[in-house]
PDB file of N, CA and C in Angstrom:
ATOM      1  N   UNK A   1     -15.201 -13.811 -47.099  1.00  0.00           N
ATOM      2  CA  UNK A   1     -14.763 -15.052 -46.467  1.00  0.00           C
ATOM      3  C   UNK A   1     -15.631 -16.476 -47.560  1.00  0.00           C
ATOM      4  N   UNK A   2     -14.791 -16.788 -47.366  1.00  0.00           N
ATOM      5  CA  UNK A   2     -15.152 -18.307 -48.400  1.00  0.00           C
ATOM      6  C   UNK A   2     -15.093 -19.645 -47.194  1.00  0.00           C
ATOM      7  N   UNK A   3     -16.560 -20.092 -47.431  1.00  0.00           N
ATOM      8  CA  UNK A   3     -16.571 -21.257 -46.965  1.00  0.00           C
ATOM      9  C   UNK A   3     -17.859 -22.390 -47.301  1.00  0.00           C
ATOM     10  N   UNK A   4     -16.838 -23.352 -46.888  1.00  0.00           N
ATOM     11  CA  UNK A   4     -16.528 -24.591 -47.760  1.00  0.00           C
ATOM     12  C   UNK A   4     -17.289 -25.763 -47.141  1.00  0.00           C
ATOM     13  N   UNK A   5     -18.382 -26.315 -47.714  1.00  0.00           N
ATOM     14  CA  UNK A   5     -19.234 -27.136 -46.473  1.00  0.00           C
ATOM     15  C   UNK A   5     -19.297 -28.668 -47.084  1.00  0.00           C
ATOM     16  N   UNK A   6     -18.373 -29.531 -46.791  1.00  0.00           N
ATOM     17  CA  UNK A   6     -19.391 -30.899 -47.052  1.00  0.00           C
ATOM     18  C   UNK A   6     -19.728 -31.802 -46.632  1.00  0.00           C
ATOM     19  N   UNK A   7     -21.297 -32.169 -46.873  1.00  0.00           N
ATOM     20  CA  UNK A   7     -22.612 -33.507 -46.608  1.00  0.00           C
ATOM     21  C   UNK A   7     -23.082 -32.835 -47.149  1.00  0.00           C
ATOM     22  N   UNK A   8     -24.217 -34.504 -46.905  1.00  0.00           N
ATOM     23  CA  UNK A   8     -25.248 -34.551 -48.298  1.00  0.00           C
ATOM     24  C   UNK A   8     -26.670 -33.722 -47.449  1.00  0.00           C
ATOM     25  N   UNK A   9     -27.256 -32.925 -47.744  1.00  0.00           N
ATOM     26  CA  UNK A   9     -28.642 -32.200 -47.436  1.00  0.00           C
ATOM     27  C   UNK A   9     -29.947 -33.012 -46.322  1.00  0.00           C
ATOM     28  N   UNK A  10     -29.916 -34.458 -46.786  1.00  0.00           N
ATOM     29  CA  UNK A  10     -30.461 -35.150 -46.152  1.00  0.00           C
ATOM     30  C   UNK A  10     -30.192 -35.207 -43.968  1.00  0.00           C
ATOM     31  N   UNK A  11     -28.917 -35.120 -43.930  1.00  0.00           N
ATOM     32  CA  UNK A  11     -28.472 -34.815 -42.874  1.00  0.00           C
ATOM     33  C   UNK A  11     -29.147 -34.094 -41.766  1.00  0.00           C
ATOM     34  N   UNK A  12     -29.721 -34.283 -40.694  1.00  0.00           N
ATOM     35  CA  UNK A  12     -29.648 -33.029 -39.334  1.00  0.00           C
ATOM     36  C   UNK A  12     -29.001 -32.225 -39.759  1.00  0.00           C
ATOM     37  N   UNK A  13     -28.039 -32.596 -39.371  1.00  0.00           N
ATOM     38  CA  UNK A  13     -26.504 -31.477 -39.053  1.00  0.00           C
ATOM     39  C   UNK A  13     -26.188 -30.810 -40.111  1.00  0.00           C
ATOM     40  N   UNK A  14     -25.808 -31.476 -41.162  1.00  0.00           N
ATOM     41  CA  UNK A  14     -26.095 -30.758 -42.267  1.00  0.00           C
ATOM     42  C   UNK A  14     -26.561 -29.015 -42.516  1.00  0.00           C
ATOM     43  N   UNK A  15     -28.342 -30.008 -42.423  1.00  0.00           N
ATOM     44  CA  UNK A  15     -29.365 -28.748 -42.615  1.00  0.00           C
ATOM     45  C   UNK A  15     -28.804 -27.731 -41.243  1.00  0.00           C
ATOM     46  N   UNK A  16     -28.410 -28.010 -40.238  1.00  0.00           N
ATOM     47  CA  UNK A  16     -28.793 -26.545 -39.166  1.00  0.00           C
ATOM     48  C   UNK A  16     -27.686 -26.324 -39.449  1.00  0.00           C
ATOM     49  N   UNK A  17     -25.980 -26.940 -40.209  1.00  0.00           N
ATOM     50  CA  UNK A  17     -25.316 -26.016 -40.852  1.00  0.00           C
ATOM     51  C   UNK A  17     -25.439 -24.699 -41.353  1.00  0.00           C
ATOM     52  N   UNK A  18     -26.021 -25.343 -42.507  1.00  0.00           N
ATOM     53  CA  UNK A  18     -26.684 -24.412 -43.705  1.00  0.00           C
ATOM     54  C   UNK A  18     -28.104 -23.458 -43.281  1.00  0.00           C
ATOM     55  N   UNK A  19     -28.528 -23.709 -42.345  1.00  0.00           N
ATOM     56  CA  UNK A  19     -29.314 -23.248 -41.790  1.00  0.00           C
ATOM     57  C   UNK A  19     -28.914 -21.722 -41.506  1.00  0.00           C
ATOM     58  N   UNK A  20     -27.870 -21.952 -40.709  1.00  0.00           N
ATOM     59  CA  UNK A  20     -27.095 -21.437 -40.340  1.00  0.00           C
ATOM     60  C   UNK A  20     -26.064 -20.168 -40.994  1.00  0.00           C
ATOM     61  N   UNK A  21     -25.657 -20.903 -42.023  1.00  0.00           N
ATOM     62  CA  UNK A  21     -24.959 -20.059 -42.545  1.00  0.00           C
ATOM     63  C   UNK A  21     -25.948 -19.120 -43.765  1.00  0.00           C
ATOM     64  N   UNK A  22     -27.663 -19.558 -43.704  1.00  0.00           N
ATOM     65  CA  UNK A  22     -28.298 -18.861 -44.656  1.00  0.00           C
ATOM     66  C   UNK A  22     -28.687 -17.084 -43.628  1.00  0.00           C
ATOM     67  N   UNK A  23     -29.018 -17.582 -42.326  1.00  0.00           N
ATOM     68  CA  UNK A  23     -29.475 -16.470 -41.702  1.00  0.00           C
ATOM     69  C   UNK A  23     -28.548 -15.495 -41.336  1.00  0.00           C
ATOM     70  N   UNK A  24     -26.862 -15.936 -41.581  1.00  0.00           N
ATOM     71  CA  UNK A  24     -25.837 -15.136 -41.386  1.00  0.00           C
ATOM     72  C   UNK A  24     -25.309 -14.206 -42.712  1.00  0.00           C
ATOM     73  N   UNK A  25     -26.152 -14.878 -43.412  1.00  0.00           N
ATOM     74  CA  UNK A  25     -26.114 -14.643 -45.163  1.00  0.00           C
ATOM     75  C   UNK A  25     -24.804 -14.602 -45.813  1.00  0.00           C
ATOM     76  N   UNK A  26     -24.039 -16.024 -45.413  1.00  0.00           N
ATOM     77  CA  UNK A  26     -23.130 -16.154 -45.400  1.00  0.00           C
ATOM     78  C   UNK A  26     -22.817 -17.336 -46.877  1.00  0.00           C
ATOM     79  N   UNK A  27     -22.193 -17.037 -47.786  1.00  0.00           N
ATOM     80  CA  UNK A  27     -22.238 -17.664 -49.392  1.00  0.00           C
ATOM     81  C   UNK A  27     -21.334 -18.934 -49.198  1.00  0.00           C
ATOM     82  N   UNK A  28     -21.494 -19.664 -49.664  1.00  0.00           N
ATOM     83  CA  UNK A  28     -20.926 -21.169 -49.308  1.00  0.00           C
ATOM     84  C   UNK A  28     -20.765 -21.819 -50.364  1.00  0.00           C
ATOM     85  N   UNK A  29     -19.737 -22.912 -50.485  1.00  0.00           N
ATOM     86  CA  UNK A  29     -20.119 -23.909 -51.940  1.00  0.00           C
ATOM     87  C   UNK A  29     -20.040 -25.145 -50.785  1.00  0.00           C
ATOM     88  N   UNK A  30     -21.370 -25.793 -51.228  1.00  0.00           N
ATOM     89  CA  UNK A  30     -21.308 -27.288 -50.639  1.00  0.00           C
ATOM     90  C   UNK A  30     -20.837 -28.131 -51.434  1.00  0.00           C
ATOM     91  N   UNK A  31     -19.981 -29.723 -51.214  1.00  0.00           N
ATOM     92  CA  UNK A  31     -19.923 -30.384 -51.749  1.00  0.00           C
ATOM     93  C   UNK A  31     -20.100 -31.553 -51.261  1.00  0.00           C
ATOM     94  N   UNK A  32     -20.857 -32.503 -52.139  1.00  0.00           N
ATOM     95  CA  UNK A  32     -21.327 -33.288 -51.528  1.00  0.00           C
ATOM     96  C   UNK A  32     -20.270 -35.270 -51.554  1.00  0.00           C
ATOM     97  N   UNK A  33     -19.385 -34.458 -51.802  1.00  0.00           N
ATOM     98  CA  UNK A  33     -18.356 -35.465 -51.932  1.00  0.00           C
ATOM     99  C   UNK A  33     -16.878 -35.313 -51.083  1.00  0.00           C
ATOM    100  N   UNK A  34     -16.568 -35.963 -49.948  1.00  0.00           N
ATOM    101  CA  UNK A  34     -15.434 -34.837 -48.650  1.00  0.00           C
ATOM    102  C   UNK A  34     -14.133 -34.956 -49.827  1.00  0.00           C
ATOM    103  N   UNK A  35     -13.768 -33.485 -49.108  1.00  0.00           N
ATOM    104  CA  UNK A  35     -12.244 -33.488 -50.014  1.00  0.00           C
ATOM    105  C   UNK A  35     -11.336 -34.715 -49.441  1.00  0.00           C
ATOM    106  N   UNK A  36     -10.523 -34.737 -50.011  1.00  0.00           N
ATOM    107  CA  UNK A  36      -8.931 -35.325 -49.853  1.00  0.00           C
ATOM    108  C   UNK A  36      -8.692 -35.578 -48.465  1.00  0.00           C
ATOM    109  N   UNK A  37      -8.087 -34.499 -48.129  1.00  0.00           N
ATOM    110  CA  UNK A  37      -7.437 -34.767 -46.676  1.00  0.00           C
ATOM    111  C   UNK A  37      -9.422 -35.116 -45.270  1.00  0.00           C
ATOM    112  N   UNK A  38     -10.606 -34.372 -45.707  1.00  0.00           N
ATOM    113  CA  UNK A  38     -11.431 -34.665 -44.589  1.00  0.00           C
ATOM    114  C   UNK A  38     -11.435 -36.624 -44.790  1.00  0.00           C
ATOM    115  N   UNK A  39     -11.536 -37.099 -45.988  1.00  0.00           N
ATOM    116  CA  UNK A  39     -11.697 -38.389 -46.244  1.00  0.00           C
ATOM    117  C   UNK A  39     -10.531 -39.232 -45.430  1.00  0.00           C
ATOM    118  N   UNK A  40      -9.722 -38.610 -45.527  1.00  0.00           N
ATOM    119  CA  UNK A  40      -8.124 -39.650 -45.258  1.00  0.00           C
ATOM    120  C   UNK A  40      -8.500 -39.207 -43.940  1.00  0.00           C
ATOM    121  N   UNK A  41      -9.041 -38.273 -43.279  1.00  0.00           N
ATOM    122  CA  UNK A  41      -9.145 -38.153 -41.621  1.00  0.00           C
ATOM    123  C   UNK A  41      -9.978 -38.729 -40.514  1.00  0.00           C
ATOM    124  N   UNK A  42     -10.955 -38.718 -41.399  1.00  0.00           N
ATOM    125  CA  UNK A  42     -12.637 -38.852 -40.597  1.00  0.00           C
ATOM    126  C   UNK A  42     -13.485 -39.641 -41.424  1.00  0.00           C
ATOM    127  N   UNK A  43     -12.982 -40.229 -42.811  1.00  0.00           N
ATOM    128  CA  UNK A  43     -13.538 -40.725 -43.944  1.00  0.00           C
ATOM    129  C   UNK A  43     -14.880 -39.892 -44.484  1.00  0.00           C
ATOM    130  N   UNK A  44     -16.287 -40.328 -44.002  1.00  0.00           N
ATOM    131  CA  UNK A  44     -17.316 -39.853 -44.584  1.00  0.00           C
ATOM    132  C   UNK A  44     -18.187 -39.185 -43.736  1.00  0.00           C
ATOM    133  N   UNK A  45     -17.475 -38.677 -42.760  1.00  0.00           N
ATOM    134  CA  UNK A  45     -18.134 -38.152 -41.348  1.00  0.00           C
ATOM    135  C   UNK A  45     -18.449 -36.267 -41.992  1.00  0.00           C
ATOM    136  N   UNK A  46     -19.702 -36.364 -41.615  1.00  0.00           N
ATOM    137  CA  UNK A  46     -20.622 -34.975 -42.222  1.00  0.00           C
ATOM    138  C   UNK A  46     -21.026 -34.399 -41.128  1.00  0.00           C
ATOM    139  N   UNK A  47     -21.167 -32.929 -40.682  1.00  0.00           N
ATOM    140  CA  UNK A  47     -20.928 -31.902 -41.786  1.00  0.00           C
ATOM    141  C   UNK A  47     -19.093 -32.212 -41.500  1.00  0.00           C
ATOM    142  N   UNK A  48     -18.714 -31.240 -41.862  1.00  0.00           N
ATOM    143  CA  UNK A  48     -17.209 -30.688 -42.643  1.00  0.00           C
ATOM    144  C   UNK A  48     -17.511 -29.317 -43.248  1.00  0.00           C
ATOM    145  N   UNK A  49     -16.500 -28.265 -42.129  1.00  0.00           N
ATOM    146  CA  UNK A  49     -16.530 -26.916 -42.948  1.00  0.00           C
ATOM    147  C   UNK A  49     -15.102 -26.329 -42.514  1.00  0.00           C
ATOM    148  N   UNK A  50     -14.898 -25.620 -44.069  1.00  0.00           N
ATOM    149  CA  UNK A  50     -13.342 -25.221 -43.814  1.00  0.00           C
ATOM    150  C   UNK A  50     -13.936 -23.565 -44.200  1.00  0.00           C
ATOM    151  N   UNK A  51     -13.428 -22.651 -42.771  1.00  0.00           N
ATOM    152  CA  UNK A  51     -13.114 -21.158 -43.482  1.00  0.00           C
ATOM    153  C   UNK A  51     -12.315 -20.370 -44.416  1.00  0.00           C
ATOM    154  N   UNK A  52     -11.901 -20.370 -45.084  1.00  0.00           N
ATOM    155  CA  UNK A  52     -10.852 -19.214 -45.798  1.00  0.00           C
ATOM    156  C   UNK A  52      -9.975 -19.950 -45.841  1.00  0.00           C
ATOM    157  N   UNK A  53      -9.832 -21.472 -46.453  1.00  0.00           N
ATOM    158  CA  UNK A  53      -9.197 -22.733 -46.676  1.00  0.00           C
ATOM    159  C   UNK A  53      -8.923 -22.720 -45.191  1.00  0.00           C
ATOM    160  N   UNK A  54      -8.916 -23.126 -44.762  1.00  0.00           N
ATOM    161  CA  UNK A  54      -8.418 -23.388 -43.241  1.00  0.00           C
ATOM    162  C   UNK A  54      -8.604 -24.695 -43.216  1.00  0.00           C
ATOM    163  N   UNK A  55      -8.008 -25.112 -41.975  1.00  0.00           N
ATOM    164  CA  UNK A  55      -8.573 -26.759 -41.428  1.00  0.00           C
ATOM    165  C   UNK A  55      -9.650 -26.724 -41.758  1.00  0.00           C
ATOM    166  N   UNK A  56     -10.112 -28.213 -41.576  1.00  0.00           N
ATOM    167  CA  UNK A  56     -11.267 -28.791 -41.428  1.00  0.00           C
ATOM    168  C   UNK A  56     -12.106 -28.916 -40.375  1.00  0.00           C
ATOM    169  N   UNK A  57     -13.467 -28.193 -40.239  1.00  0.00           N
ATOM    170  CA  UNK A  57     -13.437 -29.085 -38.385  1.00  0.00           C
ATOM    171  C   UNK A  57     -14.712 -29.597 -39.010  1.00  0.00           C
ATOM    172  N   UNK A  58     -15.442 -30.462 -38.143  1.00  0.00           N
ATOM    173  CA  UNK A  58     -16.219 -31.598 -38.454  1.00  0.00           C
ATOM    174  C   UNK A  58     -17.331 -31.627 -37.074  1.00  0.00           C
ATOM    175  N   UNK A  59     -17.235 -31.100 -36.018  1.00  0.00           N
ATOM    176  CA  UNK A  59     -18.287 -31.126 -35.255  1.00  0.00           C
ATOM    177  C   UNK A  59     -19.077 -30.072 -35.351  1.00  0.00           C
ATOM    178  N   UNK A  60     -20.295 -29.976 -35.482  1.00  0.00           N
ATOM    179  CA  UNK A  60     -21.236 -29.070 -36.105  1.00  0.00           C
ATOM    180  C   UNK A  60     -21.355 -28.082 -35.000  1.00  0.00           C
ATOM    181  N   UNK A  61     -21.635 -28.604 -33.751  1.00  0.00           N
ATOM    182  CA  UNK A  61     -22.190 -27.793 -32.883  1.00  0.00           C
ATOM    183  C   UNK A  61     -20.809 -27.052 -31.820  1.00  0.00           C
ATOM    184  N   UNK A  62     -19.753 -27.205 -32.682  1.00  0.00           N
ATOM    185  CA  UNK A  62     -18.474 -26.015 -32.666  1.00  0.00           C
ATOM    186  C   UNK A  62     -18.480 -24.528 -33.923  1.00  0.00           C
ATOM    187  N   UNK A  63     -18.996 -25.294 -34.475  1.00  0.00           N
ATOM    188  CA  UNK A  63     -19.364 -25.475 -36.025  1.00  0.00           C
ATOM    189  C   UNK A  63     -19.861 -23.849 -36.294  1.00  0.00           C
ATOM    190  N   UNK A  64     -20.846 -24.308 -35.282  1.00  0.00           N
ATOM    191  CA  UNK A  64     -22.550 -23.399 -35.080  1.00  0.00           C
ATOM    192  C   UNK A  64     -21.936 -21.879 -34.287  1.00  0.00           C
ATOM    193  N   UNK A  65     -21.526 -22.424 -32.943  1.00  0.00           N
ATOM    194  CA  UNK A  65     -20.718 -21.521 -32.240  1.00  0.00           C
ATOM    195  C   UNK A  65     -19.986 -20.850 -32.642  1.00  0.00           C
ATOM    196  N   UNK A  66     -19.280 -20.950 -33.547  1.00  0.00           N
ATOM    197  CA  UNK A  66     -18.049 -19.949 -34.158  1.00  0.00           C
ATOM    198  C   UNK A  66     -18.840 -19.183 -35.222  1.00  0.00           C
ATOM    199  N   UNK A  67     -19.810 -19.859 -35.668  1.00  0.00           N
ATOM    200  CA  UNK A  67     -20.471 -18.744 -36.657  1.00  0.00           C
ATOM    201  C   UNK A  67     -21.638 -17.380 -35.723  1.00  0.00           C
ATOM    202  N   UNK A  68     -22.100 -18.157 -35.130  1.00  0.00           N
ATOM    203  CA  UNK A  68     -22.652 -17.182 -33.949  1.00  0.00           C
ATOM    204  C   UNK A  68     -21.781 -16.132 -33.295  1.00  0.00           C
ATOM    205  N   UNK A  69     -20.268 -16.786 -32.958  1.00  0.00           N
ATOM    206  CA  UNK A  69     -19.456 -15.881 -31.968  1.00  0.00           C
ATOM    207  C   UNK A  69     -18.921 -14.711 -33.189  1.00  0.00           C
ATOM    208  N   UNK A  70     -19.025 -15.517 -34.190  1.00  0.00           N
ATOM    209  CA  UNK A  70     -18.128 -14.516 -35.755  1.00  0.00           C
ATOM    210  C   UNK A  70     -18.831 -13.896 -35.991  1.00  0.00           C
ATOM    211  N   UNK A  71     -20.006 -14.168 -36.203  1.00  0.00           N
ATOM    212  CA  UNK A  71     -21.175 -13.340 -37.329  1.00  0.00           C
ATOM    213  C   UNK A  71     -22.113 -12.604 -36.801  1.00  0.00           C
ATOM    214  N   UNK A  72     -22.174 -12.741 -35.446  1.00  0.00           N
ATOM    215  CA  UNK A  72     -23.388 -11.209 -34.333  1.00  0.00           C
ATOM    216  C   UNK A  72     -23.115 -10.143 -34.150  1.00  0.00           C
ATOM    217  N   UNK A  73     -24.218  -9.796 -35.382  1.00  0.00           N
ATOM    218  CA  UNK A  73     -23.852  -8.862 -35.027  1.00  0.00           C
ATOM    219  C   UNK A  73     -24.657  -7.944 -33.450  1.00  0.00           C
ATOM    220  N   UNK A  74     -24.094  -6.410 -33.347  1.00  0.00           N
ATOM    221  CA  UNK A  74     -24.101  -6.087 -31.534  1.00  0.00           C
ATOM    222  C   UNK A  74     -25.783  -5.846 -31.900  1.00  0.00           C
ATOM    223  N   UNK A  75     -26.245  -6.037 -30.472  1.00  0.00           N
ATOM    224  CA  UNK A  75     -27.492  -5.139 -29.989  1.00  0.00           C
ATOM    225  C   UNK A  75     -27.859  -4.060 -30.054  1.00  0.00           C
ATOM    226  N   UNK A  76     -28.519  -3.156 -30.815  1.00  0.00           N
ATOM    227  CA  UNK A  76     -29.076  -1.764 -30.980  1.00  0.00           C
ATOM    228  C   UNK A  76     -29.380  -1.459 -29.688  1.00  0.00           C
ATOM    229  N   UNK A  77     -28.715  -0.705 -29.330  1.00  0.00           N
ATOM    230  CA  UNK A  77     -29.583   0.541 -27.928  1.00  0.00           C
ATOM    231  C   UNK A  77     -30.851   1.025 -28.609  1.00  0.00           C
ATOM    232  N   UNK A  78     -30.955   0.993 -27.185  1.00  0.00           N
ATOM    233  CA  UNK A  78     -32.569   1.608 -26.922  1.00  0.00           C
ATOM    234  C   UNK A  78     -32.022   2.918 -26.625  1.00  0.00           C
TER     235      UNK A  78
END
């Protein structure tokens, strides 16, 4: 999986996304300049995330939910 993240690490929302990626052990590329498509559509709004070169998403709560849903391992059974 290819994960691209745009944002500055001083942003708490960017930090939340980066922590979720770390927790799920997903590698990512962090960009400090917005990709042209992101800048053209939203300006310097961050974070922005693209999964597998798909469309960029900017709503951090939806991004975090997607990571949790896509990469949650099943609970072990007793």
